Amino acid sequence: MAEYLTKSAARNIFYGGSIFFLAVFVVLTIHTHFYMVTVATDESTLTESVVRGKHVWERHSCINCHSLLGEGAYFAPELGNVWVRYGGKQSPEGARAGLKAWMRAQPTGVEGRRQMPQFNLSEQELDDLVDFLEWTSRINTLGWPPGISG
């Protein structure tokens, strides 16, 4: 065996390693996509209302202040589990009413607290946004966020 690495050996290691790691990347990408579609996401309950709620979320740039499943800003609370925090598993009607009332009551005017702007959402938009947040709470996030507090 040679004491040093030849040019052709270095080239073969580079190309072989590149092909190997490209294959690993492709396999992991396919696995992640398959997992997200078949296991993590509750696609069976993805309704038109949920889709409209996502559009409300995007139109009002809620992600500029809130995070959703760890993505977004950390100025305001995480909303991936807000449905659970408002008691949606025990009382879906109560959670729906509580979330809608909270959004209608903003800003609260409490001195020294961060305030959510008033977006003047219609009743339909509020329902759609709550449906979106409810649907988001059913995504299998493997324990994210780590605490229920958001």
Protein backbone atom coordinates (compact mmCIF):
# COMPACT_ATOMS: atom_id res chain seq x y z
CA MET A 1 0.00 0.00 0.00
CA ALA A 2 1.23 3.46 -0.87
CA GLU A 3 2.41 5.83 1.84
CA TYR A 4 0.42 8.69 0.39
CA LEU A 5 -2.94 9.27 -1.28
CA THR A 6 -2.74 9.39 -5.04
CA LYS A 7 -4.73 11.78 -7.15
CA SER A 8 -6.95 9.05 -8.56
CA ALA A 9 -7.61 7.57 -5.10
CA ALA A 10 -8.59 11.00 -3.76
CA ARG A 11 -10.89 11.53 -6.74
CA ASN A 12 -12.49 8.11 -6.23
CA ILE A 13 -13.04 8.79 -2.51
CA PHE A 14 -14.58 12.18 -3.33
CA TYR A 15 -16.96 10.84 -5.98
CA GLY A 16 -17.80 7.70 -4.01
CA GLY A 17 -18.50 9.71 -0.85
CA SER A 18 -20.55 12.27 -2.76
CA ILE A 19 -22.70 9.56 -4.37
CA PHE A 20 -23.12 7.75 -1.05
CA PHE A 21 -24.24 10.85 0.86
CA LEU A 22 -26.49 11.98 -1.99
CA ALA A 23 -28.19 8.56 -1.84
CA VAL A 24 -28.56 8.86 1.96
CA PHE A 25 -30.06 12.34 1.52
CA VAL A 26 -32.57 11.12 -1.08
CA VAL A 27 -33.60 8.13 1.06
CA LEU A 28 -34.06 10.32 4.16
CA THR A 29 -36.07 12.86 2.16
CA ILE A 30 -38.40 10.14 0.85
CA HIS A 31 -38.74 8.64 4.33
CA THR A 32 -39.57 12.03 5.87
CA HIS A 33 -42.17 12.79 3.21
CA PHE A 34 -43.73 9.34 3.63
CA TYR A 35 -43.80 9.72 7.43
CA MET A 36 -45.35 13.21 7.29
CA VAL A 37 -48.08 12.15 4.87
CA THR A 38 -48.99 8.77 6.33
CA VAL A 39 -48.22 8.98 10.05
CA ALA A 40 -47.75 12.50 11.40
CA THR A 41 -50.52 14.41 9.62
CA ASP A 42 -54.23 13.83 10.16
CA GLU A 43 -55.11 14.15 6.48
CA SER A 44 -58.53 12.55 6.91
CA THR A 45 -59.79 15.62 8.81
CA LEU A 46 -58.24 18.20 6.48
CA THR A 47 -61.40 20.10 5.54
CA GLU A 48 -62.07 23.23 3.51
CA SER A 49 -62.49 25.12 6.78
CA VAL A 50 -59.00 24.09 7.90
CA VAL A 51 -57.56 25.22 4.57
CA ARG A 52 -59.37 28.58 4.84
CA GLY A 53 -58.05 28.91 8.41
CA LYS A 54 -54.51 28.42 7.12
CA HIS A 55 -55.16 31.22 4.64
CA VAL A 56 -56.35 33.48 7.47
CA TRP A 57 -53.17 32.57 9.38
CA GLU A 58 -51.03 33.49 6.37
CA ARG A 59 -52.98 36.60 5.33
CA HIS A 60 -52.60 38.17 8.78
CA SER A 61 -48.96 37.02 9.14
CA CYS A 62 -49.58 35.37 12.50
CA ILE A 63 -46.21 33.62 12.17
CA ASN A 64 -44.47 36.99 12.52
CA CYS A 65 -45.26 36.87 16.24
CA HIS A 66 -46.33 33.30 17.02
CA SER A 67 -44.62 30.01 16.38
CA LEU A 68 -46.47 27.02 15.04
CA LEU A 69 -44.86 23.65 15.77
CA GLY A 70 -41.59 25.44 16.46
CA GLU A 71 -41.54 27.48 13.24
CA GLY A 72 -41.96 31.23 13.36
CA ALA A 73 -41.26 34.01 15.82
CA TYR A 74 -41.06 33.61 19.57
CA PHE A 75 -42.58 37.00 20.47
CA ALA A 76 -45.96 35.45 21.28
CA PRO A 77 -46.92 31.94 22.46
CA GLU A 78 -46.53 28.72 20.50
CA LEU A 79 -49.90 27.87 18.93
CA GLY A 80 -49.35 24.26 17.90
CA ASN A 81 -50.90 23.13 21.17
CA VAL A 82 -53.21 26.07 21.93
CA TRP A 83 -56.27 23.87 21.34
CA VAL A 84 -55.09 21.51 24.08
CA ARG A 85 -54.20 24.40 26.43
CA TYR A 86 -57.73 25.77 26.07
CA GLY A 87 -59.19 22.38 26.97
CA GLY A 88 -60.15 21.25 23.47
CA LYS A 89 -59.81 17.56 24.30
CA GLN A 90 -62.22 17.78 27.24
CA SER A 91 -64.57 20.47 25.95
CA PRO A 92 -64.28 21.29 22.23
CA GLU A 93 -67.15 23.80 22.39
CA GLY A 94 -65.56 25.57 25.37
CA ALA A 95 -62.17 25.72 23.69
CA ARG A 96 -63.71 27.10 20.50
CA ALA A 97 -65.61 29.77 22.42
CA GLY A 98 -62.55 30.64 24.51
CA LEU A 99 -60.23 31.02 21.53
CA LYS A 100 -62.70 33.13 19.59
CA ALA A 101 -63.36 35.34 22.64
CA TRP A 102 -59.61 35.80 23.17
CA MET A 103 -59.08 36.90 19.56
CA ARG A 104 -62.07 39.26 19.71
CA ALA A 105 -60.84 40.86 22.98
CA GLN A 106 -57.43 41.89 21.66
CA PRO A 107 -55.66 44.12 22.43
CA THR A 108 -56.42 43.89 26.14
CA GLY A 109 -54.77 47.18 27.05
CA VAL A 110 -52.90 45.66 30.01
CA GLU A 111 -49.95 47.93 30.73
CA GLY A 112 -46.53 46.37 30.20
CA ARG A 113 -47.76 43.29 28.32
CA ARG A 114 -47.24 42.40 24.71
CA GLN A 115 -50.46 42.97 22.83
CA MET A 116 -51.96 41.11 19.93
CA PRO A 117 -53.45 43.47 17.33
CA GLN A 118 -57.15 43.46 16.60
CA PHE A 119 -57.62 42.01 13.13
CA ASN A 120 -61.42 42.40 13.14
CA LEU A 121 -61.92 38.88 11.84
CA SER A 122 -65.37 37.88 10.71
CA GLU A 123 -67.20 35.04 12.45
CA GLN A 124 -66.37 32.77 9.49
CA GLU A 125 -62.67 33.69 9.67
CA LEU A 126 -62.62 33.06 13.43
CA ASP A 127 -64.24 29.64 12.96
CA ASP A 128 -61.82 28.76 10.17
CA LEU A 129 -58.79 29.86 12.18
CA VAL A 130 -59.92 27.86 15.20
CA ASP A 131 -60.49 24.83 12.94
CA PHE A 132 -56.94 25.24 11.63
CA LEU A 133 -55.52 25.45 15.16
CA GLU A 134 -57.57 22.42 16.22
CA TRP A 135 -56.31 20.44 13.23
CA THR A 136 -52.73 21.52 13.95
CA SER A 137 -53.02 20.19 17.50
CA ARG A 138 -53.62 16.69 16.11
CA ILE A 139 -50.33 16.54 14.19
CA ASN A 140 -47.98 13.99 15.73
CA THR A 141 -45.05 16.22 16.66
CA LEU A 142 -43.20 13.58 18.68
CA GLY A 143 -43.45 15.67 21.83
CA TRP A 144 -43.05 19.22 20.51
CA PRO A 145 -43.46 21.65 22.15
CA PRO A 146 -41.84 20.07 25.21
CA GLY A 147 -44.22 21.80 27.65
CA ILE A 148 -47.95 22.32 27.52
CA SER A 149 -47.53 26.02 28.33
CA GLY A 150 -46.50 26.87 24.80
